[in-house]
Structure formats: structure tokens, C-alpha cells
Amino acid sequence: METSIWSTVPWGLVFAYFGVAFSASLAGMGSAAGVSIAANAADGVMAEDPDKFGQLVVLVALPGTQGIYGLLIGFLILLKIGGISATQETISIAQGLALFAGSLPMGIVGYASGVAQGRAAAAGIGMVARKPEESGKAITTTVLVETYAVLALLISFLVVQFVNIV
């Protein structure tokens, strides 16, 4: 009887690596989109008043944190499975699926909150353009969107940590 190539695939590792890629890439895409949205708004303001750069750079940078969080979850999964030197015997399909499931909150919420935070930052940049003294309020309202990325980071972290790999 001939063995199928699919029966030799280390599915646990495949699912775990999908989790790494999903968390890091989706959260990174959300951050890239959010930073781009905020940067477009800031560039328009700075074209009129270049001296506002210092006030605006924080608002532009804030949506970038989701990508960092997604990368962190990806690193945690890699550490959990033994990195790229992991072997088929290292991780079961159930463990791989659990690690993939752990990546979902950070990937999905990281993407959505990165974009939403970029929009909030763009609105804050508009406020700073009109009232530079209100930059603290603009930063505060933009940071509030971050709360949901931090909650997703927490649940992803806990799920990944609770997957028992012997």
C-alpha cells in the first residue's frame, strides 16, 4: 500500500506556523494601514505648518503598536514549539490547532484596531491642526482604541501559554 504525501505532513507544526504567520502578518497589515492613514493626514497638516511635526509624529506612530503585538505572539508561538528546529514529534495536531486558535485574537483584532486607530489618529491630527494645544486630548482618544489590541494581546498570550507541549 502506497503512503500518501499528506500522511507525512507534520500537521501540528503546520498549524502552529500558520498561527505565527497569521498573527504577525494580519496585525502588521492593520498597523501599516493605520500608520498610513494617520501619516496622510499629518502630511497634509505639515505641508501648511512644518513646525507641527513633533506634535503629530506620536499620533502617526500609535497605530504601529498592533504590528508589534502580533509579532510578539508569533515569537511566543515559535518559542513554544522550539523554533524552526521543531520536529514532527514535537507537537500534535491538537496542539498546533490550539496555537493557531491562540493567534486569532491578535491577528483579527490587531488588524481591525490598527485601522481604527489610524482613523482616530487622523481625526486627532485634524484637531491638532486647528488647536495645537489640544494634542494631549488627541493622543488620549487615539490611545483608547489601543485598549482592544491590548486585550487581544492578553488573550492570545494566555492561550499560547496554556497550550501544554511536553
N, C-alpha and C. Protein backbone atom coordinates (compact mmCIF):
# COMPACT_ATOMS: atom_id res chain seq x y z
N MET A 1 0.84 -1.18 0.00
CA MET A 1 0.00 0.00 0.00
C MET A 1 0.88 1.25 0.00
N GLU A 2 0.58 2.18 -0.89
CA GLU A 2 1.38 3.38 -1.04
C GLU A 2 0.96 4.43 0.00
N THR A 3 1.96 5.09 0.57
CA THR A 3 1.70 6.13 1.57
C THR A 3 1.48 7.46 0.85
N SER A 4 0.44 8.17 1.25
CA SER A 4 0.16 9.48 0.68
C SER A 4 1.13 10.51 1.24
N ILE A 5 1.47 11.47 0.41
CA ILE A 5 2.36 12.54 0.87
C ILE A 5 1.70 13.32 2.01
N TRP A 6 0.38 13.38 2.03
CA TRP A 6 -0.34 14.14 3.05
C TRP A 6 -0.24 13.47 4.41
N SER A 7 -0.02 12.18 4.42
CA SER A 7 0.08 11.49 5.71
C SER A 7 1.43 11.74 6.38
N THR A 8 2.38 12.26 5.64
CA THR A 8 3.70 12.54 6.22
C THR A 8 3.87 14.00 6.63
N VAL A 9 2.87 14.81 6.36
CA VAL A 9 2.95 16.24 6.71
C VAL A 9 2.82 16.38 8.22
N PRO A 10 3.70 17.13 8.87
CA PRO A 10 3.60 17.37 10.32
C PRO A 10 2.53 18.44 10.60
N TRP A 11 1.28 18.02 10.57
CA TRP A 11 0.16 18.97 10.64
C TRP A 11 0.18 19.85 11.87
N GLY A 12 0.61 19.33 13.00
CA GLY A 12 0.69 20.17 14.20
C GLY A 12 1.59 21.37 13.98
N LEU A 13 2.75 21.11 13.40
CA LEU A 13 3.68 22.21 13.11
C LEU A 13 3.11 23.16 12.05
N VAL A 14 2.46 22.60 11.06
CA VAL A 14 1.88 23.44 10.01
C VAL A 14 0.88 24.42 10.62
N PHE A 15 0.00 23.93 11.48
CA PHE A 15 -0.99 24.82 12.10
C PHE A 15 -0.31 25.84 13.01
N ALA A 16 0.71 25.43 13.74
CA ALA A 16 1.43 26.36 14.61
C ALA A 16 2.10 27.45 13.77
N TYR A 17 2.75 27.06 12.68
CA TYR A 17 3.40 28.06 11.81
C TYR A 17 2.36 28.97 11.15
N PHE A 18 1.21 28.44 10.81
CA PHE A 18 0.13 29.30 10.30
C PHE A 18 -0.24 30.34 11.37
N GLY A 19 -0.26 29.92 12.62
CA GLY A 19 -0.55 30.86 13.71
C GLY A 19 0.48 31.97 13.78
N VAL A 20 1.75 31.61 13.64
CA VAL A 20 2.82 32.61 13.63
C VAL A 20 2.58 33.61 12.50
N ALA A 21 2.37 33.08 11.32
CA ALA A 21 2.19 33.94 10.14
C ALA A 21 0.92 34.78 10.25
N PHE A 22 -0.15 34.18 10.73
CA PHE A 22 -1.44 34.87 10.83
C PHE A 22 -1.34 36.05 11.79
N SER A 23 -0.81 35.79 12.97
CA SER A 23 -0.72 36.83 13.99
C SER A 23 0.17 37.98 13.52
N ALA A 24 1.35 37.66 13.06
CA ALA A 24 2.30 38.70 12.68
C ALA A 24 1.86 39.45 11.43
N SER A 25 1.38 38.74 10.42
CA SER A 25 1.06 39.42 9.16
C SER A 25 -0.23 40.22 9.24
N LEU A 26 -1.28 39.67 9.85
CA LEU A 26 -2.53 40.41 9.90
C LEU A 26 -2.43 41.63 10.79
N ALA A 27 -1.84 41.48 11.98
CA ALA A 27 -1.67 42.64 12.85
C ALA A 27 -0.73 43.66 12.21
N GLY A 28 0.30 43.17 11.51
CA GLY A 28 1.20 44.07 10.80
C GLY A 28 0.52 44.83 9.69
N MET A 29 -0.37 44.16 8.96
CA MET A 29 -1.12 44.84 7.90
C MET A 29 -2.03 45.92 8.48
N GLY A 30 -2.65 45.64 9.63
CA GLY A 30 -3.50 46.63 10.27
C GLY A 30 -2.70 47.85 10.71
N SER A 31 -1.51 47.58 11.27
CA SER A 31 -0.64 48.69 11.67
C SER A 31 -0.18 49.50 10.47
N ALA A 32 0.22 48.83 9.42
CA ALA A 32 0.68 49.54 8.23
C ALA A 32 -0.44 50.43 7.66
N ALA A 33 -1.65 49.89 7.62
CA ALA A 33 -2.78 50.68 7.12
C ALA A 33 -3.07 51.85 8.05
N GLY A 34 -3.06 51.58 9.36
CA GLY A 34 -3.36 52.65 10.32
C GLY A 34 -2.32 53.76 10.30
N VAL A 35 -1.05 53.39 10.26
CA VAL A 35 0.01 54.39 10.19
C VAL A 35 -0.10 55.19 8.90
N SER A 36 -0.45 54.52 7.81
CA SER A 36 -0.61 55.21 6.53
C SER A 36 -1.75 56.23 6.58
N ILE A 37 -2.86 55.84 7.17
CA ILE A 37 -4.00 56.76 7.30
C ILE A 37 -3.58 58.00 8.09
N ALA A 38 -2.93 57.77 9.23
CA ALA A 38 -2.51 58.89 10.08
C ALA A 38 -1.44 59.73 9.38
N ALA A 39 -0.50 59.07 8.70
CA ALA A 39 0.58 59.80 8.02
C ALA A 39 0.04 60.68 6.91
N ASN A 40 -0.96 60.19 6.19
CA ASN A 40 -1.55 61.01 5.13
C ASN A 40 -2.15 62.29 5.71
N ALA A 41 -2.86 62.14 6.84
CA ALA A 41 -3.44 63.32 7.48
C ALA A 41 -2.35 64.26 7.99
N ALA A 42 -1.31 63.70 8.60
CA ALA A 42 -0.23 64.52 9.15
C ALA A 42 0.53 65.24 8.04
N ASP A 43 0.75 64.57 6.94
CA ASP A 43 1.48 65.20 5.83
C ASP A 43 0.73 66.43 5.32
N GLY A 44 -0.59 66.33 5.26
CA GLY A 44 -1.38 67.48 4.83
C GLY A 44 -1.24 68.65 5.79
N VAL A 45 -1.26 68.36 7.07
CA VAL A 45 -1.11 69.42 8.08
C VAL A 45 0.30 70.01 8.02
N MET A 46 1.30 69.14 7.93
CA MET A 46 2.69 69.63 7.92
C MET A 46 3.04 70.39 6.64
N ALA A 47 2.31 70.16 5.57
CA ALA A 47 2.53 70.93 4.35
C ALA A 47 2.21 72.40 4.61
N GLU A 48 1.26 72.64 5.48
CA GLU A 48 0.87 74.02 5.84
C GLU A 48 1.70 74.55 7.00
N ASP A 49 2.07 73.66 7.94
CA ASP A 49 2.79 74.09 9.15
C ASP A 49 3.79 73.01 9.56
N PRO A 50 5.00 73.04 9.00
CA PRO A 50 6.01 72.01 9.30
C PRO A 50 6.41 71.94 10.77
N ASP A 51 6.18 73.01 11.52
CA ASP A 51 6.54 73.03 12.93
C ASP A 51 5.68 72.10 13.79
N LYS A 52 4.61 71.58 13.23
CA LYS A 52 3.73 70.67 13.99
C LYS A 52 4.22 69.22 13.98
N PHE A 53 5.34 68.96 13.32
CA PHE A 53 5.86 67.60 13.22
C PHE A 53 5.96 66.92 14.58
N GLY A 54 6.54 67.58 15.54
CA GLY A 54 6.73 67.00 16.88
C GLY A 54 5.43 66.58 17.54
N GLN A 55 4.39 67.35 17.35
CA GLN A 55 3.09 67.01 17.93
C GLN A 55 2.41 65.87 17.17
N LEU A 56 2.67 65.77 15.89
CA LEU A 56 1.95 64.80 15.06
C LEU A 56 2.62 63.43 14.98
N VAL A 57 3.92 63.37 15.18
CA VAL A 57 4.63 62.11 15.00
C VAL A 57 4.13 61.03 15.96
N VAL A 58 3.75 61.41 17.17
CA VAL A 58 3.22 60.43 18.13
C VAL A 58 1.90 59.85 17.62
N LEU A 59 1.05 60.72 17.10
CA LEU A 59 -0.24 60.25 16.58
C LEU A 59 -0.04 59.34 15.36
N VAL A 60 0.94 59.61 14.55
CA VAL A 60 1.21 58.77 13.38
C VAL A 60 1.75 57.41 13.83
N ALA A 61 2.57 57.40 14.86
CA ALA A 61 3.22 56.16 15.31
C ALA A 61 2.29 55.24 16.09
N LEU A 62 1.30 55.77 16.77
CA LEU A 62 0.45 54.95 17.65
C LEU A 62 -0.16 53.72 16.99
N PRO A 63 -0.69 53.78 15.78
CA PRO A 63 -1.27 52.58 15.18
C PRO A 63 -0.24 51.48 14.88
N GLY A 64 1.03 51.77 15.01
CA GLY A 64 2.06 50.79 14.74
C GLY A 64 2.23 49.74 15.82
N THR A 65 1.63 49.94 16.96
CA THR A 65 1.82 49.00 18.07
C THR A 65 1.18 47.64 17.81
N GLN A 66 0.10 47.59 17.08
CA GLN A 66 -0.57 46.32 16.82
C GLN A 66 0.35 45.35 16.09
N GLY A 67 1.14 45.86 15.17
CA GLY A 67 2.10 45.02 14.47
C GLY A 67 3.14 44.44 15.42
N ILE A 68 3.55 45.23 16.39
CA ILE A 68 4.50 44.76 17.40
C ILE A 68 3.85 43.65 18.24
N TYR A 69 2.60 43.84 18.61
CA TYR A 69 1.90 42.83 19.41
C TYR A 69 1.75 41.53 18.62
N GLY A 70 1.40 41.62 17.34
CA GLY A 70 1.27 40.43 16.51
C GLY A 70 2.59 39.70 16.37
N LEU A 71 3.66 40.46 16.23
CA LEU A 71 4.99 39.86 16.15
C LEU A 71 5.35 39.16 17.46
N LEU A 72 4.98 39.77 18.57
CA LEU A 72 5.24 39.17 19.88
C LEU A 72 4.54 37.81 20.02
N ILE A 73 3.28 37.74 19.62
CA ILE A 73 2.55 36.47 19.69
C ILE A 73 3.20 35.45 18.76
N GLY A 74 3.62 35.87 17.58
CA GLY A 74 4.33 34.98 16.66
C GLY A 74 5.60 34.43 17.29
N PHE A 75 6.38 35.28 17.93
CA PHE A 75 7.59 34.84 18.61
C PHE A 75 7.27 33.86 19.74
N LEU A 76 6.21 34.14 20.49
CA LEU A 76 5.84 33.25 21.59
C LEU A 76 5.48 31.86 21.08
N ILE A 77 4.77 31.81 19.97
CA ILE A 77 4.42 30.50 19.38
C ILE A 77 5.69 29.79 18.93
N LEU A 78 6.58 30.52 18.28
CA LEU A 78 7.84 29.90 17.85
C LEU A 78 8.63 29.36 19.04
N LEU A 79 8.70 30.14 20.09
CA LEU A 79 9.40 29.67 21.29
C LEU A 79 8.73 28.43 21.88
N LYS A 80 7.41 28.42 21.85
CA LYS A 80 6.64 27.31 22.41
C LYS A 80 6.93 26.00 21.67
N ILE A 81 7.10 26.06 20.37
CA ILE A 81 7.27 24.84 19.59
C ILE A 81 8.74 24.50 19.35
N GLY A 82 9.64 25.34 19.81
CA GLY A 82 11.06 25.06 19.61
C GLY A 82 11.64 25.71 18.39
N GLY A 83 10.99 26.73 17.88
CA GLY A 83 11.51 27.47 16.74
C GLY A 83 11.48 26.70 15.45
N ILE A 84 12.39 27.01 14.57
CA ILE A 84 12.40 26.37 13.25
C ILE A 84 13.03 24.98 13.31
N SER A 85 13.59 24.63 14.45
CA SER A 85 14.18 23.29 14.57
C SER A 85 13.19 22.27 15.12
N ALA A 86 11.91 22.67 15.27
CA ALA A 86 10.90 21.76 15.78
C ALA A 86 10.74 20.56 14.85
N THR A 87 10.38 19.43 15.43
CA THR A 87 10.20 18.22 14.63
C THR A 87 8.75 17.77 14.72
N GLN A 88 8.40 16.84 13.85
CA GLN A 88 7.03 16.35 13.79
C GLN A 88 6.59 15.78 15.14
N GLU A 89 7.49 15.17 15.87
CA GLU A 89 7.14 14.57 17.14
C GLU A 89 6.95 15.60 18.24
N THR A 90 7.35 16.83 17.99
CA THR A 90 7.30 17.88 19.00
C THR A 90 5.88 18.31 19.33
N ILE A 91 5.00 18.30 18.36
CA ILE A 91 3.69 18.92 18.54
C ILE A 91 2.60 18.14 17.82
N SER A 92 1.51 17.92 18.51
CA SER A 92 0.38 17.19 17.93
C SER A 92 -0.49 18.13 17.10
N ILE A 93 -1.39 17.55 16.35
CA ILE A 93 -2.33 18.36 15.57
C ILE A 93 -3.18 19.20 16.51
N ALA A 94 -3.63 18.63 17.62
CA ALA A 94 -4.45 19.39 18.58
C ALA A 94 -3.67 20.57 19.15
N GLN A 95 -2.41 20.36 19.46
CA GLN A 95 -1.59 21.46 19.99
C GLN A 95 -1.37 22.53 18.93
N GLY A 96 -1.12 22.11 17.70
CA GLY A 96 -0.94 23.06 16.61
C GLY A 96 -2.19 23.89 16.37
N LEU A 97 -3.34 23.21 16.41
CA LEU A 97 -4.60 23.94 16.24
C LEU A 97 -4.85 24.90 17.41
N ALA A 98 -4.49 24.48 18.62
CA ALA A 98 -4.66 25.36 19.77
C ALA A 98 -3.78 26.60 19.65
N LEU A 99 -2.56 26.42 19.18
CA LEU A 99 -1.68 27.57 18.98
C LEU A 99 -2.20 28.48 17.88
N PHE A 100 -2.72 27.87 16.80
CA PHE A 100 -3.32 28.68 15.74
C PHE A 100 -4.51 29.46 16.29
N ALA A 101 -5.35 28.79 17.09
CA ALA A 101 -6.50 29.47 17.70
C ALA A 101 -6.04 30.62 18.58
N GLY A 102 -4.92 30.43 19.27
CA GLY A 102 -4.39 31.50 20.10
C GLY A 102 -3.92 32.70 19.30
N SER A 103 -3.55 32.49 18.05
CA SER A 103 -3.11 33.61 17.22
C SER A 103 -4.28 34.43 16.67
N LEU A 104 -5.46 33.84 16.64
CA LEU A 104 -6.61 34.50 16.01
C LEU A 104 -6.98 35.83 16.65
N PRO A 105 -7.12 35.92 17.98
CA PRO A 105 -7.49 37.23 18.54
C PRO A 105 -6.52 38.33 18.16
N MET A 106 -5.22 38.05 18.27
CA MET A 106 -4.25 39.10 17.97
C MET A 106 -4.25 39.46 16.50
N GLY A 107 -4.34 38.46 15.63
CA GLY A 107 -4.37 38.75 14.20
C GLY A 107 -5.58 39.56 13.78
N ILE A 108 -6.75 39.09 14.19
CA ILE A 108 -8.01 39.74 13.78
C ILE A 108 -8.18 41.11 14.43
N VAL A 109 -8.07 41.15 15.75
CA VAL A 109 -8.26 42.42 16.45
C VAL A 109 -7.11 43.37 16.14
N GLY A 110 -5.90 42.83 15.98
CA GLY A 110 -4.77 43.68 15.62
C GLY A 110 -4.99 44.38 14.29
N TYR A 111 -5.54 43.66 13.33
CA TYR A 111 -5.84 44.28 12.04
C TYR A 111 -6.90 45.37 12.18
N ALA A 112 -8.02 44.99 12.79
CA ALA A 112 -9.14 45.93 12.90
C ALA A 112 -8.79 47.15 13.76
N SER A 113 -8.11 46.93 14.86
CA SER A 113 -7.80 48.07 15.73
C SER A 113 -6.68 48.94 15.15
N GLY A 114 -5.77 48.35 14.38
CA GLY A 114 -4.75 49.16 13.72
C GLY A 114 -5.37 50.16 12.75
N VAL A 115 -6.31 49.68 11.95
CA VAL A 115 -7.01 50.55 11.01
C VAL A 115 -7.85 51.58 11.77
N ALA A 116 -8.59 51.13 12.77
CA ALA A 116 -9.44 52.05 13.54
C ALA A 116 -8.59 53.09 14.27
N GLN A 117 -7.45 52.67 14.79
CA GLN A 117 -6.60 53.62 15.49
C GLN A 117 -6.00 54.63 14.50
N GLY A 118 -5.73 54.20 13.29
CA GLY A 118 -5.27 55.14 12.27
C GLY A 118 -6.31 56.20 11.97
N ARG A 119 -7.56 55.78 11.91
CA ARG A 119 -8.65 56.75 11.67
C ARG A 119 -8.80 57.70 12.85
N ALA A 120 -8.70 57.18 14.07
CA ALA A 120 -8.79 58.03 15.26
C ALA A 120 -7.62 59.01 15.29
N ALA A 121 -6.44 58.53 14.93
CA ALA A 121 -5.26 59.41 14.90
C ALA A 121 -5.43 60.50 13.85
N ALA A 122 -5.98 60.14 12.69
CA ALA A 122 -6.20 61.14 11.64
C ALA A 122 -7.16 62.24 12.12
N ALA A 123 -8.21 61.83 12.84
CA ALA A 123 -9.13 62.82 13.40
C ALA A 123 -8.42 63.69 14.42
N GLY A 124 -7.58 63.08 15.25
CA GLY A 124 -6.81 63.84 16.22
C GLY A 124 -5.84 64.80 15.55
N ILE A 125 -5.27 64.38 14.46
CA ILE A 125 -4.36 65.25 13.70
C ILE A 125 -5.11 66.46 13.17
N GLY A 126 -6.35 66.24 12.73
CA GLY A 126 -7.19 67.37 12.30
C GLY A 126 -7.44 68.34 13.44
N MET A 127 -7.63 67.80 14.64
CA MET A 127 -7.86 68.66 15.81
C MET A 127 -6.60 69.46 16.13
N VAL A 128 -5.44 68.79 16.09
CA VAL A 128 -4.18 69.48 16.38
C VAL A 128 -3.89 70.56 15.33
N ALA A 129 -4.32 70.35 14.10
CA ALA A 129 -4.12 71.35 13.05
C ALA A 129 -4.84 72.64 13.40
N ARG A 130 -6.01 72.53 14.00
CA ARG A 130 -6.81 73.70 14.34
C ARG A 130 -6.48 74.25 15.73
N LYS A 131 -6.20 73.33 16.66
CA LYS A 131 -5.94 73.72 18.05
C LYS A 131 -4.73 72.94 18.57
N PRO A 132 -3.53 73.40 18.31
CA PRO A 132 -2.32 72.67 18.70
C PRO A 132 -2.24 72.37 20.19
N GLU A 133 -2.84 73.18 21.00
CA GLU A 133 -2.81 72.98 22.45
C GLU A 133 -3.62 71.76 22.89
N GLU A 134 -4.39 71.17 22.01
CA GLU A 134 -5.24 70.02 22.32
C GLU A 134 -4.59 68.68 21.93
N SER A 135 -3.29 68.67 21.68
CA SER A 135 -2.64 67.43 21.24
C SER A 135 -2.74 66.32 22.28
N GLY A 136 -2.74 66.66 23.56
CA GLY A 136 -2.89 65.65 24.61
C GLY A 136 -4.22 64.92 24.52
N LYS A 137 -5.27 65.67 24.23
CA LYS A 137 -6.59 65.05 24.07
C LYS A 137 -6.63 64.16 22.83
N ALA A 138 -5.98 64.61 21.77
CA ALA A 138 -5.94 63.81 20.54
C ALA A 138 -5.21 62.49 20.78
N ILE A 139 -4.11 62.55 21.51
CA ILE A 139 -3.36 61.33 21.83
C ILE A 139 -4.19 60.41 22.72
N THR A 140 -4.86 60.99 23.71
CA THR A 140 -5.66 60.19 24.65
C THR A 140 -6.77 59.45 23.93
N THR A 141 -7.50 60.11 23.07
CA THR A 141 -8.60 59.43 22.38
C THR A 141 -8.08 58.37 21.42
N THR A 142 -6.92 58.61 20.83
CA THR A 142 -6.33 57.61 19.94
C THR A 142 -5.86 56.40 20.72
N VAL A 143 -5.30 56.62 21.90
CA VAL A 143 -4.82 55.52 22.74
C VAL A 143 -5.98 54.64 23.22
N LEU A 144 -7.16 55.21 23.37
CA LEU A 144 -8.31 54.41 23.82
C LEU A 144 -8.60 53.24 22.88
N VAL A 145 -8.37 53.43 21.60
CA VAL A 145 -8.57 52.35 20.63
C VAL A 145 -7.59 51.21 20.92
N GLU A 146 -6.43 51.56 21.42
CA GLU A 146 -5.37 50.59 21.74
C GLU A 146 -5.83 49.55 22.77
N THR A 147 -6.78 49.94 23.61
CA THR A 147 -7.26 49.04 24.66
C THR A 147 -7.65 47.68 24.10
N TYR A 148 -8.29 47.66 22.97
CA TYR A 148 -8.79 46.41 22.41
C TYR A 148 -7.66 45.56 21.83
N ALA A 149 -6.64 46.21 21.31
CA ALA A 149 -5.46 45.47 20.86
C ALA A 149 -4.75 44.85 22.06
N VAL A 150 -4.68 45.58 23.16
CA VAL A 150 -4.03 45.05 24.37
C VAL A 150 -4.83 43.87 24.92
N LEU A 151 -6.15 43.95 24.89
CA LEU A 151 -6.97 42.82 25.35
C LEU A 151 -6.77 41.60 24.46
N ALA A 152 -6.68 41.82 23.15
CA ALA A 152 -6.43 40.70 22.23
C ALA A 152 -5.04 40.12 22.48
N LEU A 153 -4.06 40.97 22.73
CA LEU A 153 -2.72 40.51 23.05
C LEU A 153 -2.75 39.63 24.30
N LEU A 154 -3.49 40.07 25.30
CA LEU A 154 -3.59 39.32 26.55
C LEU A 154 -4.21 37.94 26.34
N ILE A 155 -5.32 37.87 25.63
CA ILE A 155 -5.98 36.57 25.46
C ILE A 155 -5.14 35.66 24.57
N SER A 156 -4.52 36.22 23.53
CA SER A 156 -3.64 35.40 22.70
C SER A 156 -2.46 34.88 23.51
N PHE A 157 -1.87 35.74 24.32
CA PHE A 157 -0.76 35.35 25.17
C PHE A 157 -1.16 34.21 26.10
N LEU A 158 -2.32 34.35 26.74
CA LEU A 158 -2.77 33.32 27.69
C LEU A 158 -3.04 32.00 26.99
N VAL A 159 -3.70 32.03 25.85
CA VAL A 159 -3.99 30.79 25.13
C VAL A 159 -2.68 30.10 24.74
N VAL A 160 -1.75 30.86 24.18
CA VAL A 160 -0.48 30.27 23.76
C VAL A 160 0.26 29.69 24.98
N GLN A 161 0.26 30.40 26.07
CA GLN A 161 0.97 29.92 27.27
C GLN A 161 0.33 28.67 27.87
N PHE A 162 -0.98 28.55 27.74
CA PHE A 162 -1.67 27.41 28.35
C PHE A 162 -1.65 26.15 27.49
N VAL A 163 -1.17 26.26 26.24
CA VAL A 163 -1.03 25.05 25.42
C VAL A 163 0.14 24.26 26.00
N ASN A 164 -0.16 23.04 26.41
CA ASN A 164 0.83 22.20 27.08
C ASN A 164 1.59 21.37 26.05
N ILE A 165 2.86 21.73 25.86
CA ILE A 165 3.71 20.97 24.94
C ILE A 165 4.81 20.33 25.78
N VAL A 166 4.86 19.02 25.73
CA VAL A 166 5.82 18.28 26.56
C VAL A 166 7.11 18.07 25.81
